[in-house]
Amino acid sequence: MDLIDERFDLYVTKDGTGCTISNEFLGTEFDCSAGRGSIVRSGSGEFFALWEAGWSFLVEKFRGTGVLKKSMRQQGLLE
């Protein structure tokens, strides 16, 4: 899992389902302007709230299955 994808915007459907608008996603025939959802811009307050909720969900799933302690974290260098 690569958590660096926060640099991309999100597409969120009306039922709350979301996906990252990655380069691979843009290469599909999916039409983000078809009115089935909206684009949430990376860096916005809404984006951060969704990212934080997703992170909390993931941590709880890892904790519940006993793999949280086995998870690796790689910290990038900030310069």
Protein backbone atom coordinates (compact mmCIF):
# COMPACT_ATOMS: atom_id res chain seq x y z
CA MET A 1 0.00 0.00 0.00
CA ASP A 2 1.37 3.35 -0.98
CA LEU A 3 -0.04 6.15 1.13
CA ILE A 4 1.67 8.81 -0.95
CA ASP A 5 -1.37 9.04 -3.20
CA GLU A 6 -2.71 11.93 -1.12
CA ARG A 7 -1.18 14.12 -3.81
CA PHE A 8 -4.08 13.17 -6.13
CA ASP A 9 -7.65 14.47 -5.98
CA LEU A 10 -10.48 12.12 -5.04
CA TYR A 11 -13.67 11.24 -6.87
CA VAL A 12 -16.52 10.70 -4.40
CA THR A 13 -19.87 9.30 -5.49
CA LYS A 14 -23.20 10.43 -4.06
CA ASP A 15 -23.27 7.36 -1.78
CA GLY A 16 -19.87 8.27 -0.29
CA THR A 17 -17.75 5.76 -2.18
CA GLY A 18 -14.44 7.27 -3.19
CA CYS A 19 -11.40 6.58 -5.28
CA THR A 20 -8.13 8.29 -6.05
CA ILE A 21 -7.96 10.10 -9.38
CA SER A 22 -4.59 8.59 -10.23
CA ASN A 23 -2.89 8.53 -13.60
CA GLU A 24 -4.17 4.97 -14.04
CA PHE A 25 -7.73 6.06 -13.22
CA LEU A 26 -7.48 8.89 -15.74
CA GLY A 27 -6.47 6.31 -18.36
CA THR A 28 -9.88 4.62 -18.09
CA GLU A 29 -13.06 5.63 -19.84
CA PHE A 30 -14.69 6.80 -16.59
CA ASP A 31 -16.26 10.24 -16.92
CA CYS A 32 -15.87 12.28 -13.71
CA SER A 33 -18.16 14.96 -15.14
CA ALA A 34 -21.14 12.63 -15.65
CA GLY A 35 -22.88 13.92 -12.51
CA ARG A 36 -22.62 10.76 -10.42
CA GLY A 37 -20.33 12.35 -7.85
CA SER A 38 -17.88 15.14 -7.21
CA ILE A 39 -14.17 15.83 -7.17
CA VAL A 40 -12.55 16.59 -3.82
CA ARG A 41 -9.35 18.56 -4.26
CA SER A 42 -6.18 17.32 -2.60
CA GLY A 43 -5.20 19.61 0.25
CA SER A 44 -8.73 20.79 1.00
CA GLY A 45 -10.35 20.40 4.41
CA GLU A 46 -12.84 17.88 3.01
CA PHE A 47 -9.99 15.87 1.50
CA PHE A 48 -8.13 15.75 4.81
CA ALA A 49 -11.27 14.71 6.71
CA LEU A 50 -11.84 11.83 4.27
CA TRP A 51 -8.15 10.81 4.37
CA GLU A 52 -8.13 10.86 8.18
CA ALA A 53 -11.33 8.78 8.37
CA GLY A 54 -9.85 6.27 5.92
CA TRP A 55 -6.61 6.07 7.89
CA SER A 56 -8.49 5.48 11.16
CA PHE A 57 -10.56 2.75 9.48
CA LEU A 58 -7.41 1.06 8.15
CA VAL A 59 -5.64 1.17 11.52
CA GLU A 60 -8.65 -0.35 13.27
CA LYS A 61 -8.86 -3.14 10.65
CA PHE A 62 -5.14 -3.85 11.08
CA ARG A 63 -5.50 -3.79 14.86
CA GLY A 64 -8.54 -6.10 14.72
CA THR A 65 -6.72 -8.69 12.63
CA GLY A 66 -3.50 -8.50 14.63
CA VAL A 67 -1.34 -7.20 11.79
CA LEU A 68 -0.84 -3.65 13.04
CA LYS A 69 2.38 -4.60 14.83
CA LYS A 70 3.61 -6.34 11.68
CA SER A 71 3.02 -3.31 9.47
CA MET A 72 5.99 -1.44 8.09
CA ARG A 73 6.23 2.29 7.95
CA GLN A 74 8.69 4.03 5.72
CA GLN A 75 9.32 7.67 6.40
CA GLY A 76 10.33 9.79 3.46
CA LEU A 77 13.05 12.37 3.84
CA LEU A 78 11.82 15.93 4.04
CA GLU A 79 14.33 18.48 2.84
